[in-house]
Amino acid sequence: MADTSQPPSPAPATSQWNPDLIFAVLADPVRRSLLRSLAHTGGKPASVLRGASARRLDATLKHLVSMREAGLLVTEPDPVDGRRMLYSFAPSVPLAKSPEGGVVLDFGFVAVRW
């Protein structure tokens, strides 16, 4: 049986981040809350991230797909439940721990600290 789920998306190299695209993603409070949740907890399925977005599942998925298309997120099959996809940061996303124990998302032209 062919896998009809969404294939993992390639993420752009760090030097190729489009500032307009990144600012558009960060401008939305729902997307920021999803990114914050992923930064602190790692990969999760959309059904779990729905709680972080305070939106219905279909609205949460629209935000996740948009960030995936922007190259910030990638998907992979859930090893526990193969019917679900886990959303996580793309390997090229500049995510690091801060000295204070928080998380920093630094694109060079903008940094977000949680």
PDB file of N, CA and C in Angstrom:
ATOM      1  N   MET A   1       0.840  -1.181   0.000  1.00  0.00           N
ATOM      2  CA  MET A   1       0.000   0.000   0.000  1.00  0.00           C
ATOM      3  C   MET A   1       0.883   1.241   0.000  1.00  0.00           C
ATOM      4  N   ALA A   2       0.606   2.163  -0.860  1.00  0.00           N
ATOM      5  CA  ALA A   2       1.404   3.381  -0.981  1.00  0.00           C
ATOM      6  C   ALA A   2       1.115   4.317   0.182  1.00  0.00           C
ATOM      7  N   ASP A   3       2.142   5.008   0.627  1.00  0.00           N
ATOM      8  CA  ASP A   3       2.004   5.979   1.707  1.00  0.00           C
ATOM      9  C   ASP A   3       1.460   7.278   1.122  1.00  0.00           C
ATOM     10  N   THR A   4       0.233   7.643   1.511  1.00  0.00           N
ATOM     11  CA  THR A   4      -0.396   8.852   0.978  1.00  0.00           C
ATOM     12  C   THR A   4      -0.238  10.038   1.913  1.00  0.00           C
ATOM     13  N   SER A   5       0.522   9.866   2.993  1.00  0.00           N
ATOM     14  CA  SER A   5       0.741  10.981   3.915  1.00  0.00           C
ATOM     15  C   SER A   5       1.667  12.004   3.277  1.00  0.00           C
ATOM     16  N   GLN A   6       1.767  13.133   3.930  1.00  0.00           N
ATOM     17  CA  GLN A   6       2.589  14.208   3.405  1.00  0.00           C
ATOM     18  C   GLN A   6       4.059  13.815   3.509  1.00  0.00           C
ATOM     19  N   PRO A   7       4.814  13.941   2.421  1.00  0.00           N
ATOM     20  CA  PRO A   7       6.235  13.613   2.486  1.00  0.00           C
ATOM     21  C   PRO A   7       6.994  14.678   3.266  1.00  0.00           C
ATOM     22  N   PRO A   8       8.102  14.306   3.888  1.00  0.00           N
ATOM     23  CA  PRO A   8       8.903  15.319   4.585  1.00  0.00           C
ATOM     24  C   PRO A   8       9.335  16.400   3.610  1.00  0.00           C
ATOM     25  N   SER A   9       9.273  17.626   4.079  1.00  0.00           N
ATOM     26  CA  SER A   9       9.634  18.737   3.202  1.00  0.00           C
ATOM     27  C   SER A   9      11.080  19.129   3.425  1.00  0.00           C
ATOM     28  N   PRO A  10      11.779  19.453   2.355  1.00  0.00           N
ATOM     29  CA  PRO A  10      13.148  19.910   2.533  1.00  0.00           C
ATOM     30  C   PRO A  10      13.158  21.304   3.150  1.00  0.00           C
ATOM     31  N   ALA A  11      14.070  21.538   4.060  1.00  0.00           N
ATOM     32  CA  ALA A  11      14.174  22.848   4.702  1.00  0.00           C
ATOM     33  C   ALA A  11      15.282  23.642   4.023  1.00  0.00           C
ATOM     34  N   PRO A  12      15.096  24.947   3.895  1.00  0.00           N
ATOM     35  CA  PRO A  12      16.139  25.746   3.259  1.00  0.00           C
ATOM     36  C   PRO A  12      17.371  25.854   4.146  1.00  0.00           C
ATOM     37  N   ALA A  13      18.495  26.089   3.536  1.00  0.00           N
ATOM     38  CA  ALA A  13      19.719  26.311   4.304  1.00  0.00           C
ATOM     39  C   ALA A  13      19.563  27.586   5.113  1.00  0.00           C
ATOM     40  N   THR A  14      20.278  27.680   6.222  1.00  0.00           N
ATOM     41  CA  THR A  14      20.145  28.820   7.125  1.00  0.00           C
ATOM     42  C   THR A  14      20.341  30.144   6.400  1.00  0.00           C
ATOM     43  N   SER A  15      21.264  30.210   5.459  1.00  0.00           N
ATOM     44  CA  SER A  15      21.536  31.457   4.758  1.00  0.00           C
ATOM     45  C   SER A  15      20.430  31.822   3.772  1.00  0.00           C
ATOM     46  N   GLN A  16      19.491  30.924   3.540  1.00  0.00           N
ATOM     47  CA  GLN A  16      18.440  31.174   2.564  1.00  0.00           C
ATOM     48  C   GLN A  16      17.110  31.563   3.198  1.00  0.00           C
ATOM     49  N   TRP A  17      17.079  31.885   4.485  1.00  0.00           N
ATOM     50  CA  TRP A  17      15.817  32.253   5.116  1.00  0.00           C
ATOM     51  C   TRP A  17      15.317  33.563   4.529  1.00  0.00           C
ATOM     52  N   ASN A  18      14.077  33.571   4.139  1.00  0.00           N
ATOM     53  CA  ASN A  18      13.432  34.753   3.590  1.00  0.00           C
ATOM     54  C   ASN A  18      12.872  35.564   4.761  1.00  0.00           C
ATOM     55  N   PRO A  19      13.413  36.757   5.031  1.00  0.00           N
ATOM     56  CA  PRO A  19      12.937  37.544   6.170  1.00  0.00           C
ATOM     57  C   PRO A  19      11.435  37.812   6.134  1.00  0.00           C
ATOM     58  N   ASP A  20      10.881  38.099   4.959  1.00  0.00           N
ATOM     59  CA  ASP A  20       9.449  38.365   4.867  1.00  0.00           C
ATOM     60  C   ASP A  20       8.630  37.144   5.283  1.00  0.00           C
ATOM     61  N   LEU A  21       9.081  35.976   4.885  1.00  0.00           N
ATOM     62  CA  LEU A  21       8.389  34.745   5.222  1.00  0.00           C
ATOM     63  C   LEU A  21       8.484  34.454   6.724  1.00  0.00           C
ATOM     64  N   ILE A  22       9.655  34.637   7.293  1.00  0.00           N
ATOM     65  CA  ILE A  22       9.846  34.395   8.724  1.00  0.00           C
ATOM     66  C   ILE A  22       9.024  35.380   9.544  1.00  0.00           C
ATOM     67  N   PHE A  23       9.046  36.661   9.175  1.00  0.00           N
ATOM     68  CA  PHE A  23       8.254  37.655   9.902  1.00  0.00           C
ATOM     69  C   PHE A  23       6.757  37.365   9.771  1.00  0.00           C
ATOM     70  N   ALA A  24       6.316  36.891   8.621  1.00  0.00           N
ATOM     71  CA  ALA A  24       4.904  36.546   8.441  1.00  0.00           C
ATOM     72  C   ALA A  24       4.514  35.394   9.368  1.00  0.00           C
ATOM     73  N   VAL A  25       5.384  34.402   9.494  1.00  0.00           N
ATOM     74  CA  VAL A  25       5.110  33.281  10.402  1.00  0.00           C
ATOM     75  C   VAL A  25       5.080  33.770  11.841  1.00  0.00           C
ATOM     76  N   LEU A  26       6.067  34.564  12.237  1.00  0.00           N
ATOM     77  CA  LEU A  26       6.162  35.026  13.621  1.00  0.00           C
ATOM     78  C   LEU A  26       5.110  36.069  13.979  1.00  0.00           C
ATOM     79  N   ALA A  27       4.507  36.705  12.998  1.00  0.00           N
ATOM     80  CA  ALA A  27       3.499  37.726  13.265  1.00  0.00           C
ATOM     81  C   ALA A  27       2.202  37.129  13.801  1.00  0.00           C
ATOM     82  N   ASP A  28       1.957  35.870  13.538  1.00  0.00           N
ATOM     83  CA  ASP A  28       0.713  35.239  13.950  1.00  0.00           C
ATOM     84  C   ASP A  28       0.866  34.620  15.338  1.00  0.00           C
ATOM     85  N   PRO A  29       0.054  35.021  16.311  1.00  0.00           N
ATOM     86  CA  PRO A  29       0.190  34.485  17.667  1.00  0.00           C
ATOM     87  C   PRO A  29      -0.065  32.977  17.759  1.00  0.00           C
ATOM     88  N   VAL A  30      -0.933  32.441  16.904  1.00  0.00           N
ATOM     89  CA  VAL A  30      -1.185  30.999  16.916  1.00  0.00           C
ATOM     90  C   VAL A  30       0.074  30.253  16.479  1.00  0.00           C
ATOM     91  N   ARG A  31       0.717  30.731  15.442  1.00  0.00           N
ATOM     92  CA  ARG A  31       1.937  30.081  14.959  1.00  0.00           C
ATOM     93  C   ARG A  31       3.058  30.195  15.979  1.00  0.00           C
ATOM     94  N   ARG A  32       3.161  31.347  16.640  1.00  0.00           N
ATOM     95  CA  ARG A  32       4.174  31.489  17.694  1.00  0.00           C
ATOM     96  C   ARG A  32       3.925  30.508  18.821  1.00  0.00           C
ATOM     97  N   SER A  33       2.673  30.308  19.206  1.00  0.00           N
ATOM     98  CA  SER A  33       2.388  29.355  20.286  1.00  0.00           C
ATOM     99  C   SER A  33       2.706  27.926  19.859  1.00  0.00           C
ATOM    100  N   LEU A  34       2.473  27.601  18.596  1.00  0.00           N
ATOM    101  CA  LEU A  34       2.838  26.270  18.097  1.00  0.00           C
ATOM    102  C   LEU A  34       4.356  26.094  18.094  1.00  0.00           C
ATOM    103  N   LEU A  35       5.078  27.111  17.640  1.00  0.00           N
ATOM    104  CA  LEU A  35       6.545  27.042  17.634  1.00  0.00           C
ATOM    105  C   LEU A  35       7.084  26.926  19.056  1.00  0.00           C
ATOM    106  N   ARG A  36       6.500  27.682  19.981  1.00  0.00           N
ATOM    107  CA  ARG A  36       6.927  27.630  21.386  1.00  0.00           C
ATOM    108  C   ARG A  36       6.724  26.216  21.939  1.00  0.00           C
ATOM    109  N   SER A  37       5.591  25.625  21.665  1.00  0.00           N
ATOM    110  CA  SER A  37       5.310  24.275  22.144  1.00  0.00           C
ATOM    111  C   SER A  37       6.307  23.272  21.577  1.00  0.00           C
ATOM    112  N   LEU A  38       6.587  23.369  20.293  1.00  0.00           N
ATOM    113  CA  LEU A  38       7.550  22.455  19.669  1.00  0.00           C
ATOM    114  C   LEU A  38       8.963  22.691  20.192  1.00  0.00           C
ATOM    115  N   ALA A  39       9.310  23.944  20.479  1.00  0.00           N
ATOM    116  CA  ALA A  39      10.652  24.254  20.977  1.00  0.00           C
ATOM    117  C   ALA A  39      10.890  23.634  22.348  1.00  0.00           C
ATOM    118  N   HIS A  40       9.861  23.579  23.159  1.00  0.00           N
ATOM    119  CA  HIS A  40      10.023  23.066  24.512  1.00  0.00           C
ATOM    120  C   HIS A  40       9.808  21.563  24.628  1.00  0.00           C
ATOM    121  N   THR A  41       9.051  20.977  23.710  1.00  0.00           N
ATOM    122  CA  THR A  41       8.697  19.566  23.878  1.00  0.00           C
ATOM    123  C   THR A  41       9.129  18.659  22.736  1.00  0.00           C
ATOM    124  N   GLY A  42       9.578  19.205  21.631  1.00  0.00           N
ATOM    125  CA  GLY A  42       9.974  18.363  20.504  1.00  0.00           C
ATOM    126  C   GLY A  42       8.788  17.986  19.634  1.00  0.00           C
ATOM    127  N   GLY A  43       8.988  16.998  18.767  1.00  0.00           N
ATOM    128  CA  GLY A  43       7.980  16.601  17.794  1.00  0.00           C
ATOM    129  C   GLY A  43       6.703  16.094  18.414  1.00  0.00           C
ATOM    130  N   LYS A  44       5.584  16.545  17.838  1.00  0.00           N
ATOM    131  CA  LYS A  44       4.264  16.149  18.320  1.00  0.00           C
ATOM    132  C   LYS A  44       3.304  16.049  17.147  1.00  0.00           C
ATOM    133  N   PRO A  45       2.259  15.246  17.298  1.00  0.00           N
ATOM    134  CA  PRO A  45       1.222  15.204  16.265  1.00  0.00           C
ATOM    135  C   PRO A  45       0.319  16.436  16.355  1.00  0.00           C
ATOM    136  N   ALA A  46      -0.363  16.720  15.281  1.00  0.00           N
ATOM    137  CA  ALA A  46      -1.243  17.894  15.229  1.00  0.00           C
ATOM    138  C   ALA A  46      -2.328  17.819  16.293  1.00  0.00           C
ATOM    139  N   SER A  47      -2.815  16.631  16.597  1.00  0.00           N
ATOM    140  CA  SER A  47      -3.880  16.501  17.591  1.00  0.00           C
ATOM    141  C   SER A  47      -3.420  16.952  18.975  1.00  0.00           C
ATOM    142  N   VAL A  48      -2.153  16.782  19.284  1.00  0.00           N
ATOM    143  CA  VAL A  48      -1.614  17.244  20.564  1.00  0.00           C
ATOM    144  C   VAL A  48      -1.305  18.735  20.498  1.00  0.00           C
ATOM    145  N   LEU A  49      -0.771  19.195  19.374  1.00  0.00           N
ATOM    146  CA  LEU A  49      -0.459  20.618  19.208  1.00  0.00           C
ATOM    147  C   LEU A  49      -1.715  21.476  19.178  1.00  0.00           C
ATOM    148  N   ARG A  50      -2.829  20.872  18.915  1.00  0.00           N
ATOM    149  CA  ARG A  50      -4.102  21.585  18.912  1.00  0.00           C
ATOM    150  C   ARG A  50      -4.315  22.320  20.230  1.00  0.00           C
ATOM    151  N   GLY A  51      -3.890  21.729  21.331  1.00  0.00           N
ATOM    152  CA  GLY A  51      -4.019  22.368  22.638  1.00  0.00           C
ATOM    153  C   GLY A  51      -3.191  23.630  22.750  1.00  0.00           C
ATOM    154  N   ALA A  52      -2.011  23.634  22.162  1.00  0.00           N
ATOM    155  CA  ALA A  52      -1.141  24.818  22.202  1.00  0.00           C
ATOM    156  C   ALA A  52      -1.704  25.949  21.357  1.00  0.00           C
ATOM    157  N   SER A  53      -2.436  25.607  20.318  1.00  0.00           N
ATOM    158  CA  SER A  53      -2.961  26.644  19.433  1.00  0.00           C
ATOM    159  C   SER A  53      -4.312  27.173  19.882  1.00  0.00           C
ATOM    160  N   ALA A  54      -5.002  26.426  20.735  1.00  0.00           N
ATOM    161  CA  ALA A  54      -6.351  26.797  21.184  1.00  0.00           C
ATOM    162  C   ALA A  54      -7.297  26.964  19.989  1.00  0.00           C
ATOM    163  N   ARG A  55      -7.096  26.127  18.985  1.00  0.00           N
ATOM    164  CA  ARG A  55      -7.927  26.144  17.784  1.00  0.00           C
ATOM    165  C   ARG A  55      -8.411  24.725  17.490  1.00  0.00           C
ATOM    166  N   ARG A  56      -9.364  24.625  16.579  1.00  0.00           N
ATOM    167  CA  ARG A  56      -9.814  23.300  16.137  1.00  0.00           C
ATOM    168  C   ARG A  56      -8.684  22.635  15.368  1.00  0.00           C
ATOM    169  N   LEU A  57      -8.783  21.335  15.223  1.00  0.00           N
ATOM    170  CA  LEU A  57      -7.727  20.568  14.554  1.00  0.00           C
ATOM    171  C   LEU A  57      -7.496  21.039  13.127  1.00  0.00           C
ATOM    172  N   ASP A  58      -8.555  21.299  12.388  1.00  0.00           N
ATOM    173  CA  ASP A  58      -8.358  21.722  10.999  1.00  0.00           C
ATOM    174  C   ASP A  58      -7.639  23.068  10.914  1.00  0.00           C
ATOM    175  N   ALA A  59      -7.934  23.990  11.826  1.00  0.00           N
ATOM    176  CA  ALA A  59      -7.245  25.283  11.832  1.00  0.00           C
ATOM    177  C   ALA A  59      -5.789  25.113  12.243  1.00  0.00           C
ATOM    178  N   THR A  60      -5.544  24.247  13.220  1.00  0.00           N
ATOM    179  CA  THR A  60      -4.166  23.966  13.648  1.00  0.00           C
ATOM    180  C   THR A  60      -3.370  23.372  12.496  1.00  0.00           C
ATOM    181  N   LEU A  61      -3.963  22.444  11.768  1.00  0.00           N
ATOM    182  CA  LEU A  61      -3.277  21.827  10.631  1.00  0.00           C
ATOM    183  C   LEU A  61      -2.932  22.854   9.553  1.00  0.00           C
ATOM    184  N   LYS A  62      -3.802  23.809   9.313  1.00  0.00           N
ATOM    185  CA  LYS A  62      -3.509  24.846   8.316  1.00  0.00           C
ATOM    186  C   LYS A  62      -2.262  25.630   8.705  1.00  0.00           C
ATOM    187  N   HIS A  63      -2.141  25.955   9.993  1.00  0.00           N
ATOM    188  CA  HIS A  63      -0.955  26.680  10.455  1.00  0.00           C
ATOM    189  C   HIS A  63       0.291  25.804  10.345  1.00  0.00           C
ATOM    190  N   LEU A  64       0.180  24.544  10.729  1.00  0.00           N
ATOM    191  CA  LEU A  64       1.329  23.639  10.667  1.00  0.00           C
ATOM    192  C   LEU A  64       1.787  23.424   9.228  1.00  0.00           C
ATOM    193  N   VAL A  65       0.852  23.245   8.323  1.00  0.00           N
ATOM    194  CA  VAL A  65       1.197  23.054   6.912  1.00  0.00           C
ATOM    195  C   VAL A  65       1.856  24.309   6.357  1.00  0.00           C
ATOM    196  N   SER A  66       1.365  25.465   6.735  1.00  0.00           N
ATOM    197  CA  SER A  66       1.959  26.720   6.276  1.00  0.00           C
ATOM    198  C   SER A  66       3.407  26.839   6.748  1.00  0.00           C
ATOM    199  N   MET A  67       3.656  26.498   8.009  1.00  0.00           N
ATOM    200  CA  MET A  67       5.030  26.570   8.526  1.00  0.00           C
ATOM    201  C   MET A  67       5.910  25.481   7.915  1.00  0.00           C
ATOM    202  N   ARG A  68       5.317  24.365   7.572  1.00  0.00           N
ATOM    203  CA  ARG A  68       6.064  23.301   6.891  1.00  0.00           C
ATOM    204  C   ARG A  68       6.467  23.756   5.490  1.00  0.00           C
ATOM    205  N   GLU A  69       5.547  24.397   4.781  1.00  0.00           N
ATOM    206  CA  GLU A  69       5.843  24.900   3.441  1.00  0.00           C
ATOM    207  C   GLU A  69       6.876  26.023   3.481  1.00  0.00           C
ATOM    208  N   ALA A  70       6.939  26.750   4.595  1.00  0.00           N
ATOM    209  CA  ALA A  70       7.937  27.814   4.764  1.00  0.00           C
ATOM    210  C   ALA A  70       9.309  27.243   5.104  1.00  0.00           C
ATOM    211  N   GLY A  71       9.386  25.945   5.368  1.00  0.00           N
ATOM    212  CA  GLY A  71      10.660  25.309   5.666  1.00  0.00           C
ATOM    213  C   GLY A  71      11.026  25.278   7.140  1.00  0.00           C
ATOM    214  N   LEU A  72      10.116  25.711   8.015  1.00  0.00           N
ATOM    215  CA  LEU A  72      10.410  25.702   9.443  1.00  0.00           C
ATOM    216  C   LEU A  72      10.175  24.343  10.091  1.00  0.00           C
ATOM    217  N   LEU A  73       9.216  23.605   9.569  1.00  0.00           N
ATOM    218  CA  LEU A  73       8.852  22.320  10.157  1.00  0.00           C
ATOM    219  C   LEU A  73       9.008  21.194   9.142  1.00  0.00           C
ATOM    220  N   VAL A  74       9.197  20.006   9.649  1.00  0.00           N
ATOM    221  CA  VAL A  74       9.192  18.795   8.837  1.00  0.00           C
ATOM    222  C   VAL A  74       8.236  17.814   9.503  1.00  0.00           C
ATOM    223  N   THR A  75       7.822  16.825   8.745  1.00  0.00           N
ATOM    224  CA  THR A  75       6.959  15.780   9.287  1.00  0.00           C
ATOM    225  C   THR A  75       7.642  14.440   9.146  1.00  0.00           C
ATOM    226  N   GLU A  76       7.287  13.543  10.067  1.00  0.00           N
ATOM    227  CA  GLU A  76       7.752  12.166   9.994  1.00  0.00           C
ATOM    228  C   GLU A  76       6.668  11.284  10.587  1.00  0.00           C
ATOM    229  N   PRO A  77       6.584  10.046  10.165  1.00  0.00           N
ATOM    230  CA  PRO A  77       5.554   9.165  10.714  1.00  0.00           C
ATOM    231  C   PRO A  77       5.754   8.950  12.215  1.00  0.00           C
ATOM    232  N   ASP A  78       4.647   8.901  12.933  1.00  0.00           N
ATOM    233  CA  ASP A  78       4.674   8.634  14.364  1.00  0.00           C
ATOM    234  C   ASP A  78       5.020   7.160  14.568  1.00  0.00           C
ATOM    235  N   PRO A  79       6.111   6.841  15.289  1.00  0.00           N
ATOM    236  CA  PRO A  79       6.476   5.434  15.474  1.00  0.00           C
ATOM    237  C   PRO A  79       5.460   4.660  16.316  1.00  0.00           C
ATOM    238  N   VAL A  80       4.675   5.359  17.131  1.00  0.00           N
ATOM    239  CA  VAL A  80       3.676   4.700  17.973  1.00  0.00           C
ATOM    240  C   VAL A  80       2.391   4.442  17.200  1.00  0.00           C
ATOM    241  N   ASP A  81       1.980   5.413  16.405  1.00  0.00           N
ATOM    242  CA  ASP A  81       0.746   5.314  15.634  1.00  0.00           C
ATOM    243  C   ASP A  81       1.052   5.759  14.206  1.00  0.00           C
ATOM    244  N   GLY A  82       1.271   4.834  13.313  1.00  0.00           N
ATOM    245  CA  GLY A  82       1.671   5.120  11.946  1.00  0.00           C
ATOM    246  C   GLY A  82       0.666   5.935  11.156  1.00  0.00           C
ATOM    247  N   ARG A  83      -0.547   6.088  11.669  1.00  0.00           N
ATOM    248  CA  ARG A  83      -1.551   6.882  10.963  1.00  0.00           C
ATOM    249  C   ARG A  83      -1.331   8.378  11.154  1.00  0.00           C
ATOM    250  N   ARG A  84      -0.538   8.746  12.160  1.00  0.00           N
ATOM    251  CA  ARG A  84      -0.315  10.155  12.468  1.00  0.00           C
ATOM    252  C   ARG A  84       1.079  10.584  12.017  1.00  0.00           C
ATOM    253  N   MET A  85       1.199  11.883  11.783  1.00  0.00           N
ATOM    254  CA  MET A  85       2.493  12.475  11.455  1.00  0.00           C
ATOM    255  C   MET A  85       2.937  13.338  12.628  1.00  0.00           C
ATOM    256  N   LEU A  86       4.240  13.305  12.922  1.00  0.00           N
ATOM    257  CA  LEU A  86       4.807  14.159  13.948  1.00  0.00           C
ATOM    258  C   LEU A  86       5.386  15.403  13.285  1.00  0.00           C
ATOM    259  N   TYR A  87       5.079  16.548  13.832  1.00  0.00           N
ATOM    260  CA  TYR A  87       5.640  17.809  13.357  1.00  0.00           C
ATOM    261  C   TYR A  87       6.792  18.182  14.273  1.00  0.00           C
ATOM    262  N   SER A  88       7.905  18.572  13.678  1.00  0.00           N
ATOM    263  CA  SER A  88       9.063  19.014  14.455  1.00  0.00           C
ATOM    264  C   SER A  88       9.822  20.050  13.638  1.00  0.00           C
ATOM    265  N   PHE A  89      10.772  20.709  14.301  1.00  0.00           N
ATOM    266  CA  PHE A  89      11.567  21.715  13.596  1.00  0.00           C
ATOM    267  C   PHE A  89      12.430  21.051  12.536  1.00  0.00           C
ATOM    268  N   ALA A  90      12.600  21.738  11.423  1.00  0.00           N
ATOM    269  CA  ALA A  90      13.508  21.276  10.376  1.00  0.00           C
ATOM    270  C   ALA A  90      14.934  21.327  10.925  1.00  0.00           C
ATOM    271  N   PRO A  91      15.807  20.426  10.476  1.00  0.00           N
ATOM    272  CA  PRO A  91      17.187  20.420  10.973  1.00  0.00           C
ATOM    273  C   PRO A  91      17.924  21.734  10.752  1.00  0.00           C
ATOM    274  N   SER A  92      17.547  22.485   9.738  1.00  0.00           N
ATOM    275  CA  SER A  92      18.250  23.740   9.440  1.00  0.00           C
ATOM    276  C   SER A  92      17.752  24.922  10.272  1.00  0.00           C
ATOM    277  N   VAL A  93      16.702  24.745  11.052  1.00  0.00           N
ATOM    278  CA  VAL A  93      16.186  25.841  11.879  1.00  0.00           C
ATOM    279  C   VAL A  93      17.173  26.093  13.014  1.00  0.00           C
ATOM    280  N   PRO A  94      17.606  27.339  13.170  1.00  0.00           N
ATOM    281  CA  PRO A  94      18.622  27.670  14.174  1.00  0.00           C
ATOM    282  C   PRO A  94      18.035  27.731  15.587  1.00  0.00           C
ATOM    283  N   LEU A  95      17.845  26.564  16.186  1.00  0.00           N
ATOM    284  CA  LEU A  95      17.251  26.434  17.510  1.00  0.00           C
ATOM    285  C   LEU A  95      18.338  26.054  18.500  1.00  0.00           C
ATOM    286  N   ALA A  96      18.420  26.783  19.610  1.00  0.00           N
ATOM    287  CA  ALA A  96      19.463  26.510  20.608  1.00  0.00           C
ATOM    288  C   ALA A  96      18.919  26.772  22.002  1.00  0.00           C
ATOM    289  N   LYS A  97      19.573  26.195  22.992  1.00  0.00           N
ATOM    290  CA  LYS A  97      19.241  26.451  24.392  1.00  0.00           C
ATOM    291  C   LYS A  97      19.910  27.746  24.815  1.00  0.00           C
ATOM    292  N   SER A  98      19.193  28.537  25.590  1.00  0.00           N
ATOM    293  CA  SER A  98      19.777  29.774  26.106  1.00  0.00           C
ATOM    294  C   SER A  98      20.484  29.482  27.423  1.00  0.00           C
ATOM    295  N   PRO A  99      21.401  30.346  27.840  1.00  0.00           N
ATOM    296  CA  PRO A  99      22.095  30.132  29.116  1.00  0.00           C
ATOM    297  C   PRO A  99      21.135  30.091  30.304  1.00  0.00           C
ATOM    298  N   GLU A 100      19.989  30.754  30.181  1.00  0.00           N
ATOM    299  CA  GLU A 100      19.005  30.780  31.255  1.00  0.00           C
ATOM    300  C   GLU A 100      18.140  29.529  31.294  1.00  0.00           C
ATOM    301  N   GLY A 101      18.330  28.622  30.352  1.00  0.00           N
ATOM    302  CA  GLY A 101      17.549  27.397  30.301  1.00  0.00           C
ATOM    303  C   GLY A 101      16.371  27.442  29.355  1.00  0.00           C
ATOM    304  N   GLY A 102      16.179  28.560  28.675  1.00  0.00           N
ATOM    305  CA  GLY A 102      15.102  28.678  27.708  1.00  0.00           C
ATOM    306  C   GLY A 102      15.538  28.207  26.335  1.00  0.00           C
ATOM    307  N   VAL A 103      14.780  28.591  25.346  1.00  0.00           N
ATOM    308  CA  VAL A 103      15.057  28.217  23.963  1.00  0.00           C
ATOM    309  C   VAL A 103      15.162  29.484  23.121  1.00  0.00           C
ATOM    310  N   VAL A 104      16.126  29.515  22.202  1.00  0.00           N
ATOM    311  CA  VAL A 104      16.326  30.655  21.314  1.00  0.00           C
ATOM    312  C   VAL A 104      16.207  30.177  19.874  1.00  0.00           C
ATOM    313  N   LEU A 105      15.415  30.889  19.119  1.00  0.00           N
ATOM    314  CA  LEU A 105      15.257  30.649  17.685  1.00  0.00           C
ATOM    315  C   LEU A 105      15.859  31.868  17.011  1.00  0.00           C
ATOM    316  N   ASP A 106      17.077  31.735  16.446  1.00  0.00           N
ATOM    317  CA  ASP A 106      17.822  32.885  15.937  1.00  0.00           C
ATOM    318  C   ASP A 106      18.101  32.728  14.446  1.00  0.00           C
ATOM    319  N   PHE A 107      17.473  33.583  13.644  1.00  0.00           N
ATOM    320  CA  PHE A 107      17.643  33.553  12.188  1.00  0.00           C
ATOM    321  C   PHE A 107      18.702  34.529  11.706  1.00  0.00           C
ATOM    322  N   GLY A 108      19.336  35.254  12.612  1.00  0.00           N
ATOM    323  CA  GLY A 108      20.327  36.244  12.240  1.00  0.00           C
ATOM    324  C   GLY A 108      19.732  37.627  12.134  1.00  0.00           C
ATOM    325  N   PHE A 109      18.575  37.760  11.508  1.00  0.00           N
ATOM    326  CA  PHE A 109      17.908  39.051  11.373  1.00  0.00           C
ATOM    327  C   PHE A 109      16.797  39.216  12.402  1.00  0.00           C
ATOM    328  N   VAL A 110      16.432  38.141  13.079  1.00  0.00           N
ATOM    329  CA  VAL A 110      15.446  38.178  14.159  1.00  0.00           C
ATOM    330  C   VAL A 110      15.697  36.971  15.062  1.00  0.00           C
ATOM    331  N   ALA A 111      15.521  37.190  16.372  1.00  0.00           N
ATOM    332  CA  ALA A 111      15.666  36.099  17.347  1.00  0.00           C
ATOM    333  C   ALA A 111      14.443  36.096  18.252  1.00  0.00           C
ATOM    334  N   VAL A 112      13.965  34.904  18.559  1.00  0.00           N
ATOM    335  CA  VAL A 112      12.840  34.731  19.467  1.00  0.00           C
ATOM    336  C   VAL A 112      13.330  33.902  20.637  1.00  0.00           C
ATOM    337  N   ARG A 113      13.042  34.386  21.854  1.00  0.00           N
ATOM    338  CA  ARG A 113      13.456  33.675  23.059  1.00  0.00           C
ATOM    339  C   ARG A 113      12.218  33.268  23.848  1.00  0.00           C
ATOM    340  N   TRP A 114      12.207  31.993  24.248  1.00  0.00           N
ATOM    341  CA  TRP A 114      11.108  31.500  25.086  1.00  0.00           C
ATOM    342  C   TRP A 114      11.669  30.960  26.364  1.00  0.00           C
TER     343      TRP A 114
END
